[in-house]
Amino acid sequence: MMKLLLSLTLIWALSSTGEALVCQTCTTSACNVTVPLKCSSETMCITAALEVTSEQQIIKGCASSSVCPAIGFHTYSINLGGSSALVYAFCCDTDNCNSATLPFPAVPAANSLQCYSCDTSDCNNPLQCKGTEDRCFQTSVRFRSTNVAVLGCASTNMCAAAADLGQLPFLPSVGNMGPTCCTTNL
């Protein structure tokens, strides 16, 4: 009897696999229509309100642990001088838990950190960091067969996600990178 019970338990454990998470995902750029999406390997659902260089966007979908390391609200921020992104996100781990739409983040106040940023020819431009931007950010990206320096301010979680993903979350157009982040001024 014990062997039968052990065999049945083992068969059940091997055959029962966790169901994939189902998250709401946007079907339009305004995200006013969503549909359920079965996630592949992602472990969380995300809903996010982004302000990317003065353009607002709503994102809903599946998220990796690099972007959603824990359940709850997260603020991601990066400022590269000429472009910036401020993201207010909610991560959750139950089916369709990302149906709410978040408000857009308010522009944060300046903090005490300053970092360098680049313009077309100079990477010695002081940049005042804001809100959760507690790291100076430095990397290079490939642009038209040339490596281009990218410097600025970033939040700790933005640095961690960029290092894990090899690109900036919410700003994939910046390109692939391996960032270096530090906590000292300039």
Protein backbone atom coordinates (compact mmCIF):
# COMPACT_ATOMS: atom_id res chain seq x y z
CA MET A 1 0.00 0.00 0.00
CA MET A 2 2.84 2.40 0.89
CA LYS A 3 4.54 1.72 -2.47
CA LEU A 4 1.29 2.43 -4.31
CA LEU A 5 0.79 5.70 -2.42
CA LEU A 6 4.40 6.75 -3.04
CA SER A 7 4.12 5.83 -6.75
CA LEU A 8 0.87 7.78 -7.15
CA THR A 9 2.39 10.80 -5.39
CA LEU A 10 5.46 10.67 -7.63
CA ILE A 11 3.35 10.35 -10.80
CA TRP A 12 1.18 13.28 -9.69
CA ALA A 13 4.25 15.43 -8.90
CA LEU A 14 5.86 14.70 -12.25
CA SER A 15 2.70 15.21 -14.29
CA SER A 16 1.32 18.30 -12.57
CA THR A 17 2.95 21.37 -13.98
CA GLY A 18 1.98 24.87 -13.00
CA GLU A 19 -0.34 26.62 -15.39
CA ALA A 20 1.12 29.56 -17.25
CA LEU A 21 0.19 32.97 -15.94
CA VAL A 22 -2.42 34.92 -17.91
CA CYS A 23 -1.99 38.70 -18.08
CA GLN A 24 -3.95 41.46 -19.76
CA THR A 25 -2.07 42.95 -22.73
CA CYS A 26 -2.75 46.09 -24.75
CA THR A 27 -4.05 45.74 -28.30
CA THR A 28 -3.89 49.45 -29.14
CA SER A 29 -1.21 52.08 -28.59
CA ALA A 30 -3.57 53.95 -26.23
CA CYS A 31 -4.16 50.67 -24.33
CA ASN A 32 -7.89 51.30 -24.26
CA VAL A 33 -8.53 47.68 -25.33
CA THR A 34 -6.86 44.69 -23.68
CA VAL A 35 -6.98 40.93 -24.18
CA PRO A 36 -5.72 38.08 -22.01
CA LEU A 37 -2.31 36.70 -22.99
CA LYS A 38 -0.83 33.43 -21.76
CA CYS A 39 2.70 34.25 -20.65
CA SER A 40 5.58 32.08 -21.78
CA SER A 41 8.31 32.09 -19.15
CA GLU A 42 7.50 35.37 -17.43
CA THR A 43 6.51 35.17 -13.79
CA MET A 44 4.57 38.39 -13.27
CA CYS A 45 1.93 40.58 -14.85
CA ILE A 46 2.66 44.30 -15.15
CA THR A 47 0.67 47.44 -15.68
CA ALA A 48 2.73 50.58 -16.11
CA ALA A 49 2.29 54.27 -16.85
CA LEU A 50 5.31 55.69 -18.69
CA GLU A 51 6.41 59.21 -19.41
CA VAL A 52 9.17 58.89 -22.03
CA THR A 53 10.61 62.27 -23.08
CA SER A 54 7.24 64.05 -22.67
CA GLU A 55 5.20 61.27 -24.35
CA GLN A 56 2.84 59.23 -22.21
CA GLN A 57 2.12 55.54 -22.71
CA ILE A 58 0.32 52.73 -20.87
CA ILE A 59 1.79 49.22 -20.93
CA LYS A 60 0.14 45.99 -19.78
CA GLY A 61 1.47 42.49 -20.25
CA CYS A 62 3.81 39.78 -19.01
CA ALA A 63 7.02 40.75 -17.22
CA SER A 64 10.25 39.00 -16.35
CA SER A 65 11.74 39.00 -12.87
CA SER A 66 14.29 41.58 -14.11
CA VAL A 67 11.50 44.16 -14.46
CA CYS A 68 9.22 42.79 -11.73
CA PRO A 69 11.48 41.42 -8.99
CA ALA A 70 8.66 41.55 -6.41
CA ILE A 71 4.92 42.03 -6.15
CA GLY A 72 3.84 45.65 -5.66
CA PHE A 73 4.50 49.15 -6.94
CA HIS A 74 7.85 50.13 -8.48
CA THR A 75 9.18 53.43 -9.86
CA TYR A 76 11.85 53.26 -12.56
CA SER A 77 13.65 56.37 -13.71
CA ILE A 78 16.42 57.31 -16.11
CA ASN A 79 17.55 60.68 -17.45
CA LEU A 80 20.12 60.84 -20.24
CA GLY A 81 19.96 64.60 -20.66
CA GLY A 82 18.18 64.76 -24.02
CA SER A 83 15.85 61.87 -23.25
CA SER A 84 14.33 60.46 -20.10
CA ALA A 85 11.88 57.87 -18.87
CA LEU A 86 9.82 57.80 -15.69
CA VAL A 87 7.80 54.64 -15.11
CA TYR A 88 5.25 53.89 -12.41
CA ALA A 89 4.56 50.14 -12.45
CA PHE A 90 2.52 47.57 -10.57
CA CYS A 91 3.63 43.92 -10.61
CA CYS A 92 1.41 41.01 -9.59
CA ASP A 93 1.36 37.23 -9.94
CA THR A 94 -2.23 36.08 -10.36
CA ASP A 95 -4.21 35.71 -13.58
CA ASN A 96 -5.42 39.03 -15.03
CA CYS A 97 -4.27 40.98 -11.96
CA ASN A 98 -2.97 43.82 -14.17
CA SER A 99 -6.33 45.08 -15.43
CA ALA A 100 -6.17 48.44 -13.61
CA THR A 101 -4.67 51.48 -15.32
CA LEU A 102 -2.22 53.49 -13.24
CA PRO A 103 -1.96 57.28 -13.18
CA PHE A 104 1.01 58.85 -14.92
CA PRO A 105 3.89 59.68 -12.58
CA ALA A 106 4.37 63.25 -11.41
CA VAL A 107 7.66 64.94 -12.29
CA PRO A 108 9.90 64.38 -9.26
CA ALA A 109 11.90 67.03 -7.46
CA ALA A 110 15.66 67.34 -7.83
CA ASN A 111 17.79 65.34 -5.41
CA SER A 112 21.40 65.80 -4.31
CA LEU A 113 23.07 63.67 -7.01
CA GLN A 114 24.63 65.08 -10.19
CA CYS A 115 25.90 62.96 -13.09
CA TYR A 116 27.44 63.64 -16.46
CA SER A 117 25.42 63.45 -19.66
CA CYS A 118 26.37 63.64 -23.33
CA ASP A 119 25.28 65.90 -26.14
CA THR A 120 26.42 65.45 -29.73
CA SER A 121 30.09 66.12 -29.02
CA ASP A 122 30.68 66.41 -25.27
CA CYS A 123 30.12 64.01 -22.35
CA ASN A 124 31.05 66.46 -19.59
CA ASN A 125 27.65 68.11 -19.16
CA PRO A 126 26.48 68.11 -15.50
CA LEU A 127 22.95 66.75 -15.12
CA GLN A 128 20.81 67.17 -12.00
CA CYS A 129 19.20 63.88 -10.94
CA LYS A 130 15.59 63.74 -9.74
CA GLY A 131 13.38 61.60 -7.52
CA THR A 132 14.54 57.97 -7.27
CA GLU A 133 17.56 58.53 -9.56
CA ASP A 134 20.27 57.57 -7.07
CA ARG A 135 22.88 56.26 -9.51
CA CYS A 136 25.06 57.73 -12.24
CA PHE A 137 24.70 55.61 -15.36
CA GLN A 138 27.33 54.95 -18.05
CA THR A 139 27.36 52.63 -21.02
CA SER A 140 28.04 52.60 -24.73
CA VAL A 141 25.69 51.58 -27.51
CA ARG A 142 26.33 50.71 -31.12
CA PHE A 143 24.98 53.41 -33.45
CA ARG A 144 25.71 53.30 -37.19
CA SER A 145 28.70 50.98 -36.70
CA THR A 146 30.21 53.25 -34.01
CA ASN A 147 30.15 52.92 -30.22
CA VAL A 148 28.48 55.94 -28.66
CA ALA A 149 28.74 56.86 -24.96
CA VAL A 150 25.50 57.16 -23.00
CA LEU A 151 25.63 58.80 -19.57
CA GLY A 152 23.06 60.09 -17.13
CA CYS A 153 21.06 59.48 -13.94
CA ALA A 154 19.17 56.27 -13.12
CA SER A 155 17.31 54.59 -10.30
CA THR A 156 18.87 51.53 -8.66
CA ASN A 157 16.20 49.21 -10.06
CA MET A 158 16.71 50.60 -13.60
CA CYS A 159 20.44 49.81 -13.35
CA ALA A 160 19.71 46.30 -12.06
CA ALA A 161 17.12 45.57 -14.76
CA ALA A 162 19.40 46.93 -17.53
CA ALA A 163 22.26 44.74 -16.30
CA ASP A 164 20.01 41.64 -16.24
CA LEU A 165 18.31 42.31 -19.59
CA GLY A 166 21.27 43.76 -21.49
CA GLN A 167 19.09 46.75 -22.44
CA LEU A 168 17.09 49.45 -20.73
CA PRO A 169 13.64 48.23 -19.76
CA PHE A 170 10.89 50.37 -21.30
CA LEU A 171 13.50 51.94 -23.69
CA PRO A 172 14.61 49.10 -25.98
CA SER A 173 15.32 51.59 -28.77
CA VAL A 174 18.43 52.76 -26.91
CA GLY A 175 20.00 49.42 -27.82
CA ASN A 176 21.89 46.60 -26.14
CA MET A 177 24.21 47.54 -23.35
CA GLY A 178 26.03 46.50 -20.23
CA PRO A 179 25.70 49.50 -17.91
CA THR A 180 27.98 50.67 -15.15
CA CYS A 181 26.26 52.45 -12.29
CA CYS A 182 27.77 54.28 -9.32
CA THR A 183 26.56 56.41 -6.42
CA THR A 184 29.08 59.26 -6.51
CA ASN A 185 28.57 62.74 -7.96
CA LEU A 186 29.90 63.33 -11.48
